[in-house]
């Protein structure tokens, strides 16, 4: 199973299509959404796309622990805020708490940065920090119109499946 973390980038709308593409490839998807993502797309859309209830807050069910040892944690889109919190292991919302818990379990994590290029350039040090410690990988965004845009859903699915298969072998 892939845990898809959707954060507050305009590219959040692409996450619906991405979840459907995973389902077409017989991959189960559990979605976590940030508050900012919920302002951009309705969690009901992600529930439809994944066939599962969306997690938007942590409860006594300890969702961050329950889903921290799945095949892959995919943060798509990944905002500057979420990447930077992970770089410094700040856990103050369901997604950042899940990421840190998954890091503690050596669960593979992939980030798909999606933001304005000035923000992307500003957090390159945080991206490098994460890469150097080997705690996550990144799918390079498509640079266009002064923005680090969401890459094709096919590229994301391919890289995600490759990561899952490498870890199973």
N, C-alpha and C. Protein backbone atom coordinates (compact mmCIF):
# COMPACT_ATOMS: atom_id res chain seq x y z
N UNK A 1 0.84 -1.18 0.00
CA UNK A 1 0.00 0.00 0.00
C UNK A 1 0.88 1.24 0.00
N UNK A 2 0.42 2.25 -0.73
CA UNK A 2 1.07 3.56 -0.75
C UNK A 2 0.25 4.50 0.11
N UNK A 3 0.94 5.26 0.96
CA UNK A 3 0.30 6.33 1.70
C UNK A 3 0.61 7.62 0.95
N UNK A 4 -0.43 8.22 0.41
CA UNK A 4 -0.30 9.45 -0.38
C UNK A 4 -0.61 10.64 0.52
N UNK A 5 0.39 11.48 0.73
CA UNK A 5 0.23 12.69 1.55
C UNK A 5 0.06 13.87 0.62
N UNK A 6 -1.07 14.53 0.72
CA UNK A 6 -1.38 15.66 -0.14
C UNK A 6 -1.27 16.94 0.68
N UNK A 7 -0.38 17.83 0.25
CA UNK A 7 -0.17 19.08 0.98
C UNK A 7 -0.70 20.26 0.17
N UNK A 8 -0.64 21.45 0.77
CA UNK A 8 -1.33 22.62 0.25
C UNK A 8 -0.73 23.35 -0.93
N UNK A 9 -0.47 22.68 -1.99
CA UNK A 9 -0.04 23.29 -3.24
C UNK A 9 -1.22 23.27 -4.20
N UNK A 10 -1.24 24.21 -5.13
CA UNK A 10 -2.30 24.20 -6.15
C UNK A 10 -2.30 22.87 -6.89
N UNK A 11 -1.15 22.21 -6.94
CA UNK A 11 -1.04 20.91 -7.61
C UNK A 11 -1.81 19.81 -6.87
N UNK A 12 -2.42 20.13 -5.73
CA UNK A 12 -3.20 19.13 -5.00
C UNK A 12 -4.29 18.52 -5.88
N UNK A 13 -4.80 19.29 -6.82
CA UNK A 13 -5.83 18.76 -7.72
C UNK A 13 -5.30 17.60 -8.56
N UNK A 14 -3.99 17.58 -8.81
CA UNK A 14 -3.39 16.49 -9.57
C UNK A 14 -3.33 15.19 -8.76
N UNK A 15 -3.38 15.31 -7.43
CA UNK A 15 -3.30 14.13 -6.57
C UNK A 15 -4.51 13.22 -6.76
N UNK A 16 -5.64 13.78 -7.13
CA UNK A 16 -6.83 12.96 -7.39
C UNK A 16 -6.56 12.04 -8.57
N UNK A 17 -6.03 12.60 -9.65
CA UNK A 17 -5.70 11.80 -10.83
C UNK A 17 -4.61 10.78 -10.52
N UNK A 18 -3.64 11.19 -9.70
CA UNK A 18 -2.55 10.29 -9.32
C UNK A 18 -3.08 9.09 -8.54
N UNK A 19 -3.95 9.34 -7.59
CA UNK A 19 -4.53 8.24 -6.81
C UNK A 19 -5.29 7.27 -7.71
N UNK A 20 -6.05 7.80 -8.66
CA UNK A 20 -6.79 6.94 -9.60
C UNK A 20 -5.83 6.11 -10.45
N UNK A 21 -4.70 6.71 -10.85
CA UNK A 21 -3.71 5.98 -11.65
C UNK A 21 -3.11 4.83 -10.85
N UNK A 22 -2.83 5.06 -9.58
CA UNK A 22 -2.35 3.96 -8.73
C UNK A 22 -3.39 2.85 -8.66
N UNK A 23 -4.63 3.22 -8.49
CA UNK A 23 -5.70 2.21 -8.40
C UNK A 23 -5.81 1.42 -9.70
N UNK A 24 -5.62 2.09 -10.85
CA UNK A 24 -5.64 1.40 -12.14
C UNK A 24 -4.50 0.38 -12.24
N UNK A 25 -3.43 0.61 -11.46
CA UNK A 25 -2.29 -0.29 -11.43
C UNK A 25 -2.36 -1.27 -10.25
N UNK A 26 -3.57 -1.44 -9.71
CA UNK A 26 -3.83 -2.37 -8.61
C UNK A 26 -3.02 -2.08 -7.35
N UNK A 27 -2.81 -0.80 -7.06
CA UNK A 27 -2.10 -0.39 -5.86
C UNK A 27 -3.11 0.27 -4.92
N UNK A 28 -3.17 -0.22 -3.68
CA UNK A 28 -4.03 0.40 -2.68
C UNK A 28 -3.41 1.71 -2.24
N UNK A 29 -4.28 2.70 -1.98
CA UNK A 29 -3.81 4.03 -1.59
C UNK A 29 -4.58 4.49 -0.36
N UNK A 30 -3.83 4.92 0.64
CA UNK A 30 -4.41 5.59 1.81
C UNK A 30 -3.95 7.04 1.75
N UNK A 31 -4.87 7.97 1.91
CA UNK A 31 -4.54 9.39 1.77
C UNK A 31 -4.55 10.11 3.12
N UNK A 32 -3.51 10.92 3.33
CA UNK A 32 -3.45 11.91 4.40
C UNK A 32 -3.51 13.26 3.71
N UNK A 33 -4.28 14.21 4.25
CA UNK A 33 -4.36 15.55 3.67
C UNK A 33 -4.09 16.60 4.73
N UNK A 34 -3.32 17.62 4.35
CA UNK A 34 -3.07 18.74 5.26
C UNK A 34 -4.28 19.67 5.25
N UNK A 35 -4.35 20.55 6.26
CA UNK A 35 -5.44 21.53 6.31
C UNK A 35 -5.43 22.39 5.05
N UNK A 36 -4.24 22.80 4.61
CA UNK A 36 -4.15 23.64 3.42
C UNK A 36 -4.62 22.90 2.18
N UNK A 37 -4.34 21.61 2.09
CA UNK A 37 -4.81 20.82 0.94
C UNK A 37 -6.33 20.73 0.95
N UNK A 38 -6.91 20.61 2.16
CA UNK A 38 -8.38 20.52 2.28
C UNK A 38 -9.06 21.81 1.85
N UNK A 39 -8.34 22.93 1.89
CA UNK A 39 -8.88 24.19 1.41
C UNK A 39 -8.89 24.25 -0.12
N UNK A 40 -8.04 23.44 -0.75
CA UNK A 40 -7.93 23.45 -2.21
C UNK A 40 -8.80 22.38 -2.87
N UNK A 41 -8.82 21.20 -2.27
CA UNK A 41 -9.68 20.12 -2.79
C UNK A 41 -10.41 19.49 -1.61
N UNK A 42 -11.58 18.98 -1.87
CA UNK A 42 -12.38 18.38 -0.81
C UNK A 42 -11.89 16.97 -0.52
N UNK A 43 -11.77 16.60 0.75
CA UNK A 43 -11.37 15.22 1.08
C UNK A 43 -12.28 14.16 0.46
N UNK A 44 -13.53 14.51 0.18
CA UNK A 44 -14.43 13.55 -0.46
C UNK A 44 -13.92 13.14 -1.84
N UNK A 45 -13.26 14.05 -2.53
CA UNK A 45 -12.69 13.73 -3.85
C UNK A 45 -11.59 12.68 -3.70
N UNK A 46 -10.75 12.83 -2.68
CA UNK A 46 -9.69 11.84 -2.46
C UNK A 46 -10.26 10.53 -1.95
N UNK A 47 -11.33 10.60 -1.17
CA UNK A 47 -11.97 9.36 -0.72
C UNK A 47 -12.52 8.59 -1.93
N UNK A 48 -13.12 9.31 -2.87
CA UNK A 48 -13.60 8.67 -4.09
C UNK A 48 -12.44 8.05 -4.87
N UNK A 49 -11.35 8.80 -4.99
CA UNK A 49 -10.20 8.34 -5.79
C UNK A 49 -9.51 7.14 -5.16
N UNK A 50 -9.46 7.08 -3.82
CA UNK A 50 -8.74 5.99 -3.14
C UNK A 50 -9.63 4.86 -2.67
N UNK A 51 -10.91 5.15 -2.49
CA UNK A 51 -11.81 4.14 -1.94
C UNK A 51 -11.65 3.98 -0.44
N UNK A 52 -10.97 4.93 0.20
CA UNK A 52 -10.73 4.88 1.65
C UNK A 52 -11.00 6.25 2.28
N UNK A 53 -11.36 6.22 3.54
CA UNK A 53 -11.55 7.46 4.27
C UNK A 53 -10.22 8.21 4.37
N UNK A 54 -10.25 9.50 4.15
CA UNK A 54 -9.06 10.34 4.16
C UNK A 54 -8.74 10.74 5.61
N UNK A 55 -7.46 10.72 5.93
CA UNK A 55 -7.03 11.12 7.26
C UNK A 55 -6.60 12.58 7.21
N UNK A 56 -7.29 13.40 8.01
CA UNK A 56 -7.00 14.83 8.05
C UNK A 56 -6.57 15.27 9.45
N UNK A 57 -6.69 14.37 10.41
CA UNK A 57 -6.25 14.68 11.78
C UNK A 57 -5.89 13.37 12.47
N UNK A 58 -5.07 13.48 13.48
CA UNK A 58 -4.69 12.31 14.26
C UNK A 58 -5.69 12.12 15.39
N UNK A 59 -6.04 10.88 15.63
CA UNK A 59 -7.01 10.55 16.67
C UNK A 59 -6.42 9.48 17.58
N UNK A 60 -7.22 8.94 18.43
CA UNK A 60 -6.79 7.85 19.29
C UNK A 60 -6.49 6.57 18.54
N UNK A 61 -6.77 6.54 17.25
CA UNK A 61 -6.45 5.36 16.43
C UNK A 61 -4.98 5.34 16.02
N UNK A 62 -4.22 6.33 16.42
CA UNK A 62 -2.79 6.52 16.13
C UNK A 62 -2.45 6.21 14.66
N UNK A 63 -3.13 6.93 13.79
CA UNK A 63 -2.96 6.73 12.34
C UNK A 63 -1.52 6.88 11.89
N UNK A 64 -0.78 7.78 12.52
CA UNK A 64 0.62 8.00 12.11
C UNK A 64 1.48 6.77 12.36
N UNK A 65 1.14 5.97 13.33
CA UNK A 65 1.87 4.72 13.59
C UNK A 65 1.32 3.61 12.71
N UNK A 66 0.00 3.52 12.62
CA UNK A 66 -0.65 2.46 11.84
C UNK A 66 -0.19 2.43 10.38
N UNK A 67 -0.02 3.61 9.78
CA UNK A 67 0.32 3.67 8.36
C UNK A 67 1.79 4.00 8.10
N UNK A 68 2.63 4.00 9.13
CA UNK A 68 4.03 4.39 8.95
C UNK A 68 4.91 3.29 8.39
N UNK A 69 4.41 2.06 8.33
CA UNK A 69 5.24 0.95 7.85
C UNK A 69 4.68 0.33 6.57
N UNK A 70 4.03 1.13 5.77
CA UNK A 70 3.50 0.63 4.50
C UNK A 70 4.64 0.54 3.49
N UNK A 71 4.31 0.17 2.25
CA UNK A 71 5.34 0.00 1.22
C UNK A 71 6.04 1.30 0.86
N UNK A 72 5.31 2.41 0.93
CA UNK A 72 5.86 3.69 0.50
C UNK A 72 5.02 4.83 1.06
N UNK A 73 5.69 5.90 1.46
CA UNK A 73 5.02 7.17 1.79
C UNK A 73 5.37 8.11 0.65
N UNK A 74 4.36 8.63 -0.04
CA UNK A 74 4.54 9.52 -1.18
C UNK A 74 3.92 10.87 -0.85
N UNK A 75 4.72 11.91 -0.83
CA UNK A 75 4.22 13.26 -0.56
C UNK A 75 4.12 13.97 -1.90
N UNK A 76 2.88 14.08 -2.39
CA UNK A 76 2.66 14.62 -3.74
C UNK A 76 1.32 15.36 -3.79
N UNK A 77 1.34 16.66 -3.91
CA UNK A 77 2.50 17.54 -4.00
C UNK A 77 3.13 17.77 -2.63
N UNK A 78 4.42 18.09 -2.67
CA UNK A 78 5.16 18.41 -1.44
C UNK A 78 5.47 19.90 -1.44
N UNK A 79 5.01 20.59 -0.43
CA UNK A 79 5.25 22.03 -0.32
C UNK A 79 6.60 22.30 0.34
N UNK A 80 7.06 23.54 0.23
CA UNK A 80 8.28 23.96 0.90
C UNK A 80 8.16 23.77 2.40
N UNK A 81 6.99 24.03 2.94
CA UNK A 81 6.73 23.88 4.36
C UNK A 81 6.92 22.43 4.81
N UNK A 82 6.32 21.50 4.11
CA UNK A 82 6.40 20.08 4.49
C UNK A 82 7.82 19.55 4.35
N UNK A 83 8.48 19.89 3.27
CA UNK A 83 9.87 19.44 3.06
C UNK A 83 10.77 19.98 4.16
N UNK A 84 10.61 21.26 4.48
CA UNK A 84 11.45 21.87 5.50
C UNK A 84 11.19 21.29 6.89
N UNK A 85 9.93 21.01 7.20
CA UNK A 85 9.63 20.38 8.49
C UNK A 85 10.29 19.01 8.57
N UNK A 86 10.25 18.25 7.49
CA UNK A 86 10.87 16.93 7.51
C UNK A 86 12.38 17.03 7.65
N UNK A 87 12.98 18.02 7.00
CA UNK A 87 14.43 18.19 7.07
C UNK A 87 14.89 18.37 8.52
N UNK A 88 14.06 19.02 9.32
CA UNK A 88 14.42 19.29 10.72
C UNK A 88 13.59 18.48 11.70
N UNK A 89 12.87 17.47 11.19
CA UNK A 89 12.10 16.52 12.00
C UNK A 89 11.12 17.22 12.95
N UNK A 90 10.34 18.13 12.39
CA UNK A 90 9.29 18.82 13.14
C UNK A 90 7.98 18.08 12.88
N UNK A 91 7.33 17.68 13.95
CA UNK A 91 6.06 16.94 13.86
C UNK A 91 4.96 17.77 14.51
N UNK A 92 4.22 18.52 13.69
CA UNK A 92 3.17 19.36 14.26
C UNK A 92 1.84 19.23 13.52
N UNK A 93 1.72 18.23 12.66
CA UNK A 93 0.46 17.96 11.98
C UNK A 93 0.46 16.48 11.57
N UNK A 94 -0.65 15.96 11.09
CA UNK A 94 -0.70 14.52 10.77
C UNK A 94 0.34 14.07 9.75
N UNK A 95 0.61 14.89 8.73
CA UNK A 95 1.56 14.47 7.70
C UNK A 95 2.99 14.49 8.22
N UNK A 96 3.40 15.57 8.87
CA UNK A 96 4.78 15.63 9.38
C UNK A 96 5.00 14.58 10.46
N UNK A 97 3.99 14.28 11.24
CA UNK A 97 4.11 13.24 12.27
C UNK A 97 4.23 11.87 11.63
N UNK A 98 3.44 11.60 10.60
CA UNK A 98 3.55 10.33 9.85
C UNK A 98 4.95 10.19 9.25
N UNK A 99 5.46 11.26 8.63
CA UNK A 99 6.76 11.19 7.98
C UNK A 99 7.87 10.86 8.97
N UNK A 100 7.85 11.48 10.12
CA UNK A 100 8.89 11.22 11.11
C UNK A 100 8.77 9.81 11.67
N UNK A 101 7.55 9.34 11.86
CA UNK A 101 7.35 7.96 12.33
C UNK A 101 7.84 6.98 11.27
N UNK A 102 7.52 7.24 10.01
CA UNK A 102 7.97 6.37 8.91
C UNK A 102 9.50 6.38 8.81
N UNK A 103 10.11 7.54 8.99
CA UNK A 103 11.57 7.66 8.98
C UNK A 103 12.17 6.75 10.05
N UNK A 104 11.56 6.71 11.20
CA UNK A 104 12.02 5.85 12.28
C UNK A 104 11.91 4.38 11.98
N UNK A 105 11.04 4.02 11.04
CA UNK A 105 10.86 2.62 10.63
C UNK A 105 11.59 2.30 9.33
N UNK A 106 12.33 3.24 8.78
CA UNK A 106 13.02 3.07 7.49
C UNK A 106 12.07 2.80 6.33
N UNK A 107 10.86 3.31 6.43
CA UNK A 107 9.90 3.20 5.33
C UNK A 107 10.33 4.15 4.22
N UNK A 108 10.33 3.70 2.96
CA UNK A 108 10.72 4.60 1.87
C UNK A 108 9.78 5.81 1.78
N UNK A 109 10.36 6.98 1.57
CA UNK A 109 9.61 8.23 1.44
C UNK A 109 10.06 8.90 0.14
N UNK A 110 9.08 9.33 -0.64
CA UNK A 110 9.36 10.08 -1.86
C UNK A 110 8.61 11.41 -1.78
N UNK A 111 9.32 12.49 -2.09
CA UNK A 111 8.71 13.82 -2.17
C UNK A 111 8.60 14.23 -3.63
N UNK A 112 7.49 14.89 -3.97
CA UNK A 112 7.29 15.47 -5.30
C UNK A 112 7.08 16.97 -5.10
N UNK A 113 8.18 17.75 -5.09
CA UNK A 113 8.06 19.19 -4.84
C UNK A 113 7.21 19.88 -5.90
N UNK A 114 6.33 20.78 -5.43
CA UNK A 114 5.48 21.55 -6.34
C UNK A 114 5.25 22.91 -5.71
N UNK A 115 5.88 23.94 -6.29
CA UNK A 115 5.81 25.28 -5.70
C UNK A 115 6.41 26.29 -6.68
N UNK A 116 6.37 27.55 -6.32
CA UNK A 116 6.99 28.60 -7.12
C UNK A 116 8.51 28.39 -7.09
N UNK A 117 9.18 28.71 -8.19
CA UNK A 117 10.62 28.43 -8.27
C UNK A 117 11.44 29.17 -7.21
N UNK A 118 11.00 30.35 -6.78
CA UNK A 118 11.76 31.06 -5.74
C UNK A 118 11.70 30.28 -4.42
N UNK A 119 10.58 29.66 -4.13
CA UNK A 119 10.47 28.83 -2.92
C UNK A 119 11.31 27.57 -3.07
N UNK A 120 11.25 26.98 -4.25
CA UNK A 120 12.03 25.77 -4.52
C UNK A 120 13.53 26.05 -4.33
N UNK A 121 13.98 27.17 -4.89
CA UNK A 121 15.39 27.54 -4.74
C UNK A 121 15.75 27.82 -3.28
N UNK A 122 14.81 28.40 -2.53
CA UNK A 122 15.07 28.75 -1.13
C UNK A 122 15.24 27.52 -0.24
N UNK A 123 14.61 26.41 -0.61
CA UNK A 123 14.69 25.21 0.25
C UNK A 123 15.63 24.14 -0.30
N UNK A 124 16.41 24.48 -1.32
CA UNK A 124 17.33 23.48 -1.88
C UNK A 124 18.28 22.94 -0.81
N UNK A 125 18.67 23.77 0.13
CA UNK A 125 19.51 23.30 1.23
C UNK A 125 18.82 22.23 2.07
N UNK A 126 17.52 22.40 2.28
CA UNK A 126 16.76 21.40 3.03
C UNK A 126 16.62 20.10 2.24
N UNK A 127 16.42 20.24 0.93
CA UNK A 127 16.34 19.06 0.07
C UNK A 127 17.68 18.32 0.09
N UNK A 128 18.78 19.07 -0.02
CA UNK A 128 20.11 18.45 0.03
C UNK A 128 20.35 17.76 1.37
N UNK A 129 19.91 18.37 2.45
CA UNK A 129 20.06 17.78 3.79
C UNK A 129 19.35 16.43 3.86
N UNK A 130 18.12 16.38 3.35
CA UNK A 130 17.35 15.13 3.35
C UNK A 130 18.04 14.08 2.48
N UNK A 131 18.49 14.48 1.30
CA UNK A 131 19.17 13.54 0.41
C UNK A 131 20.45 13.00 1.04
N UNK A 132 21.23 13.89 1.68
CA UNK A 132 22.49 13.47 2.30
C UNK A 132 22.29 12.46 3.42
N UNK A 133 21.25 12.64 4.20
CA UNK A 133 21.01 11.68 5.29
C UNK A 133 20.32 10.42 4.78
N UNK A 134 19.90 10.43 3.53
CA UNK A 134 19.29 9.24 2.92
C UNK A 134 17.91 8.92 3.45
N UNK A 135 17.23 9.93 4.01
CA UNK A 135 15.94 9.66 4.63
C UNK A 135 14.78 9.71 3.64
N UNK A 136 15.01 10.21 2.43
CA UNK A 136 13.95 10.27 1.43
C UNK A 136 14.57 10.54 0.06
N UNK A 137 13.77 10.31 -0.97
CA UNK A 137 14.19 10.64 -2.33
C UNK A 137 13.21 11.67 -2.89
N UNK A 138 13.59 12.24 -4.02
CA UNK A 138 12.79 13.29 -4.64
C UNK A 138 12.58 12.96 -6.11
N UNK A 139 11.38 13.24 -6.59
CA UNK A 139 11.12 13.20 -8.01
C UNK A 139 11.21 14.64 -8.48
N UNK A 140 12.11 14.87 -9.40
CA UNK A 140 12.38 16.24 -9.86
C UNK A 140 11.12 16.84 -10.48
N UNK A 141 10.81 18.07 -10.07
CA UNK A 141 9.64 18.73 -10.66
C UNK A 141 9.92 19.17 -12.09
N UNK A 142 8.86 19.45 -12.80
CA UNK A 142 8.97 19.98 -14.16
C UNK A 142 9.04 21.50 -14.04
N UNK A 143 10.17 22.09 -14.40
CA UNK A 143 10.35 23.54 -14.28
C UNK A 143 9.72 24.22 -15.50
N UNK A 144 8.72 25.07 -15.24
CA UNK A 144 8.01 25.73 -16.33
C UNK A 144 7.31 26.97 -15.78
N UNK A 145 7.33 28.06 -16.52
CA UNK A 145 6.64 29.29 -16.16
C UNK A 145 7.05 29.82 -14.78
N UNK A 146 8.32 29.63 -14.40
CA UNK A 146 8.78 30.10 -13.11
C UNK A 146 8.25 29.30 -11.94
N UNK A 147 7.89 28.06 -12.20
CA UNK A 147 7.34 27.20 -11.15
C UNK A 147 7.96 25.81 -11.22
N UNK A 148 8.06 25.19 -10.05
CA UNK A 148 8.44 23.78 -9.96
C UNK A 148 7.12 23.01 -9.99
N UNK A 149 6.75 22.54 -11.18
CA UNK A 149 5.43 21.94 -11.37
C UNK A 149 5.42 20.43 -11.17
N UNK A 150 4.24 19.92 -10.90
CA UNK A 150 3.99 18.51 -10.73
C UNK A 150 4.41 17.77 -11.99
N UNK A 151 5.27 16.74 -11.88
CA UNK A 151 5.62 15.97 -13.07
C UNK A 151 4.43 15.11 -13.53
N UNK A 152 4.62 14.37 -14.60
CA UNK A 152 3.51 13.54 -15.09
C UNK A 152 3.17 12.46 -14.08
N UNK A 153 1.90 12.14 -13.99
CA UNK A 153 1.46 11.10 -13.05
C UNK A 153 2.08 9.75 -13.42
N UNK A 154 2.33 9.52 -14.70
CA UNK A 154 2.95 8.27 -15.12
C UNK A 154 4.37 8.15 -14.57
N UNK A 155 5.12 9.26 -14.58
CA UNK A 155 6.48 9.25 -14.03
C UNK A 155 6.46 8.98 -12.52
N UNK A 156 5.51 9.58 -11.83
CA UNK A 156 5.40 9.39 -10.39
C UNK A 156 5.03 7.94 -10.07
N UNK A 157 4.08 7.39 -10.80
CA UNK A 157 3.67 5.99 -10.58
C UNK A 157 4.84 5.06 -10.86
N UNK A 158 5.54 5.28 -11.95
CA UNK A 158 6.67 4.43 -12.32
C UNK A 158 7.75 4.45 -11.23
N UNK A 159 8.13 5.63 -10.77
CA UNK A 159 9.16 5.74 -9.73
C UNK A 159 8.68 5.13 -8.42
N UNK A 160 7.42 5.29 -8.10
CA UNK A 160 6.87 4.72 -6.87
C UNK A 160 6.88 3.20 -6.93
N UNK A 161 6.44 2.63 -8.04
CA UNK A 161 6.44 1.17 -8.18
C UNK A 161 7.86 0.62 -8.18
N UNK A 162 8.79 1.34 -8.80
CA UNK A 162 10.19 0.94 -8.80
C UNK A 162 10.72 0.90 -7.36
N UNK A 163 10.41 1.90 -6.59
CA UNK A 163 10.87 1.97 -5.19
C UNK A 163 10.28 0.83 -4.37
N UNK A 164 9.01 0.56 -4.55
CA UNK A 164 8.36 -0.54 -3.81
C UNK A 164 9.00 -1.85 -4.18
N UNK A 165 9.23 -2.11 -5.47
CA UNK A 165 9.81 -3.37 -5.91
C UNK A 165 11.24 -3.53 -5.44
N UNK A 166 12.02 -2.45 -5.42
CA UNK A 166 13.40 -2.52 -4.91
C UNK A 166 13.43 -2.92 -3.44
N UNK A 167 12.50 -2.38 -2.67
CA UNK A 167 12.46 -2.68 -1.26
C UNK A 167 11.95 -4.09 -0.97
N UNK A 168 11.12 -4.62 -1.86
CA UNK A 168 10.63 -6.00 -1.67
C UNK A 168 11.70 -7.02 -2.01
N UNK A 169 12.58 -6.66 -2.96
CA UNK A 169 13.67 -7.57 -3.34
C UNK A 169 14.74 -7.55 -2.27
